[in-house]
Amino acid sequence: MATLTKQERAWFNKLQKVLNECPFDTSDFDSFTIGDRGVTVFKKAKEVSEHQGKFETDLHESVDALDAEVFELRFPFGVASAAG
């Protein structure tokens, strides 16, 4: 694993701490990226998945069709889109 500076490690630890402190149930949320700096957060995860199966759409198309997008997180670095 690559090494981080003290400042980098502190920032990532702070970010993870904020994520770990989520004060609500996230079971209906999911997210995706297209490989840029953004992560699109959406609700209705089960409905979106069912829509994808029924209409054979890409994830973002089902999210749009169900008006499920709630937020876009913008990172100060790229977020690669990878599978598997």
C-alpha atoms as a PDB file:
ATOM      1  CA  MET A   1       0.000   0.000   0.000  1.00  0.00           C
ATOM      2  CA  ALA A   2       1.237   3.494  -0.803  1.00  0.00           C
ATOM      3  CA  THR A   3       2.253   5.699   2.095  1.00  0.00           C
ATOM      4  CA  LEU A   4       0.564   8.937   3.113  1.00  0.00           C
ATOM      5  CA  THR A   5       1.969  12.033   4.730  1.00  0.00           C
ATOM      6  CA  LYS A   6       0.796  12.835   8.240  1.00  0.00           C
ATOM      7  CA  GLN A   7      -1.446  15.592   6.835  1.00  0.00           C
ATOM      8  CA  GLU A   8      -2.954  13.305   4.180  1.00  0.00           C
ATOM      9  CA  ARG A   9      -3.644  10.519   6.689  1.00  0.00           C
ATOM     10  CA  ALA A  10      -5.287  12.977   9.107  1.00  0.00           C
ATOM     11  CA  TRP A  11      -7.556  14.319   6.359  1.00  0.00           C
ATOM     12  CA  PHE A  12      -8.649  10.849   5.216  1.00  0.00           C
ATOM     13  CA  ASN A  13      -9.227   9.762   8.816  1.00  0.00           C
ATOM     14  CA  LYS A  14     -11.371  12.866   9.388  1.00  0.00           C
ATOM     15  CA  LEU A  15     -13.384  12.144   6.234  1.00  0.00           C
ATOM     16  CA  GLN A  16     -13.939   8.519   7.280  1.00  0.00           C
ATOM     17  CA  LYS A  17     -14.999   9.615  10.757  1.00  0.00           C
ATOM     18  CA  VAL A  18     -17.668  11.912   9.284  1.00  0.00           C
ATOM     19  CA  LEU A  19     -18.941   9.080   7.071  1.00  0.00           C
ATOM     20  CA  ASN A  20     -19.015   6.664  10.020  1.00  0.00           C
ATOM     21  CA  GLU A  21     -21.093   9.115  12.066  1.00  0.00           C
ATOM     22  CA  CYS A  22     -24.027   9.117   9.623  1.00  0.00           C
ATOM     23  CA  PRO A  23     -27.066   9.810  11.865  1.00  0.00           C
ATOM     24  CA  PHE A  24     -29.720   8.071   9.762  1.00  0.00           C
ATOM     25  CA  ASP A  25     -30.528   4.712   8.172  1.00  0.00           C
ATOM     26  CA  THR A  26     -28.821   4.497   4.790  1.00  0.00           C
ATOM     27  CA  SER A  27     -30.376   1.216   3.647  1.00  0.00           C
ATOM     28  CA  ASP A  28     -32.461   3.004   0.977  1.00  0.00           C
ATOM     29  CA  PHE A  29     -29.447   4.927  -0.386  1.00  0.00           C
ATOM     30  CA  ASP A  30     -26.872   3.961  -2.980  1.00  0.00           C
ATOM     31  CA  SER A  31     -24.387   5.805  -5.178  1.00  0.00           C
ATOM     32  CA  PHE A  32     -22.458   5.697  -8.424  1.00  0.00           C
ATOM     33  CA  THR A  33     -19.766   7.546 -10.342  1.00  0.00           C
ATOM     34  CA  ILE A  34     -19.085   7.909 -14.031  1.00  0.00           C
ATOM     35  CA  GLY A  35     -15.365   8.230 -13.377  1.00  0.00           C
ATOM     36  CA  ASP A  36     -15.040  11.938 -12.701  1.00  0.00           C
ATOM     37  CA  ARG A  37     -14.804  13.801  -9.367  1.00  0.00           C
ATOM     38  CA  GLY A  38     -18.457  13.278  -8.494  1.00  0.00           C
ATOM     39  CA  VAL A  39     -20.331  10.544  -6.684  1.00  0.00           C
ATOM     40  CA  THR A  40     -24.075  10.685  -7.279  1.00  0.00           C
ATOM     41  CA  VAL A  41     -26.101   9.663  -4.228  1.00  0.00           C
ATOM     42  CA  PHE A  42     -29.630   8.407  -4.749  1.00  0.00           C
ATOM     43  CA  LYS A  43     -32.535   6.967  -2.781  1.00  0.00           C
ATOM     44  CA  LYS A  44     -35.023   4.254  -3.779  1.00  0.00           C
ATOM     45  CA  ALA A  45     -32.188   1.745  -4.217  1.00  0.00           C
ATOM     46  CA  LYS A  46     -34.523  -1.254  -4.485  1.00  0.00           C
ATOM     47  CA  GLU A  47     -36.855   0.486  -6.940  1.00  0.00           C
ATOM     48  CA  VAL A  48     -33.925   1.637  -9.062  1.00  0.00           C
ATOM     49  CA  SER A  49     -32.580  -1.925  -9.213  1.00  0.00           C
ATOM     50  CA  GLU A  50     -36.000  -3.281 -10.185  1.00  0.00           C
ATOM     51  CA  HIS A  51     -36.344  -0.590 -12.870  1.00  0.00           C
ATOM     52  CA  GLN A  52     -32.956  -1.544 -14.304  1.00  0.00           C
ATOM     53  CA  GLY A  53     -33.967  -5.191 -14.550  1.00  0.00           C
ATOM     54  CA  LYS A  54     -37.375  -4.488 -16.038  1.00  0.00           C
ATOM     55  CA  PHE A  55     -36.300  -1.908 -18.619  1.00  0.00           C
ATOM     56  CA  GLU A  56     -32.663  -3.024 -19.123  1.00  0.00           C
ATOM     57  CA  THR A  57     -31.328   0.483 -18.510  1.00  0.00           C
ATOM     58  CA  ASP A  58     -28.018   1.799 -17.265  1.00  0.00           C
ATOM     59  CA  LEU A  59     -27.993   2.777 -13.604  1.00  0.00           C
ATOM     60  CA  HIS A  60     -28.005   6.530 -14.205  1.00  0.00           C
ATOM     61  CA  GLU A  61     -30.983   6.175 -16.562  1.00  0.00           C
ATOM     62  CA  SER A  62     -33.035   4.372 -13.917  1.00  0.00           C
ATOM     63  CA  VAL A  63     -32.048   6.930 -11.276  1.00  0.00           C
ATOM     64  CA  ASP A  64     -33.193   9.707 -13.624  1.00  0.00           C
ATOM     65  CA  ALA A  65     -36.412   7.913 -14.589  1.00  0.00           C
ATOM     66  CA  LEU A  66     -37.382   7.503 -10.923  1.00  0.00           C
ATOM     67  CA  ASP A  67     -36.213  11.003  -9.935  1.00  0.00           C
ATOM     68  CA  ALA A  68     -34.136   9.318  -7.235  1.00  0.00           C
ATOM     69  CA  GLU A  69     -30.990  11.500  -7.208  1.00  0.00           C
ATOM     70  CA  VAL A  70     -30.582  13.392  -3.937  1.00  0.00           C
ATOM     71  CA  PHE A  71     -27.030  14.743  -3.870  1.00  0.00           C
ATOM     72  CA  GLU A  72     -23.718  14.830  -5.680  1.00  0.00           C
ATOM     73  CA  LEU A  73     -20.593  14.568  -3.561  1.00  0.00           C
ATOM     74  CA  ARG A  74     -17.656  16.383  -5.180  1.00  0.00           C
ATOM     75  CA  PHE A  75     -14.207  15.077  -4.342  1.00  0.00           C
ATOM     76  CA  PRO A  76     -10.955  17.044  -4.681  1.00  0.00           C
ATOM     77  CA  PHE A  77      -9.608  14.142  -6.753  1.00  0.00           C
ATOM     78  CA  GLY A  78     -10.973  11.787  -9.390  1.00  0.00           C
ATOM     79  CA  VAL A  79     -13.173   8.835  -8.463  1.00  0.00           C
ATOM     80  CA  ALA A  80     -12.597   5.997 -10.929  1.00  0.00           C
ATOM     81  CA  SER A  81     -15.498   3.848 -12.019  1.00  0.00           C
ATOM     82  CA  ALA A  82     -14.535   0.177 -11.762  1.00  0.00           C
ATOM     83  CA  ALA A  83     -16.372  -3.123 -11.552  1.00  0.00           C
ATOM     84  CA  GLY A  84     -15.572  -6.370  -9.820  1.00  0.00           C
END
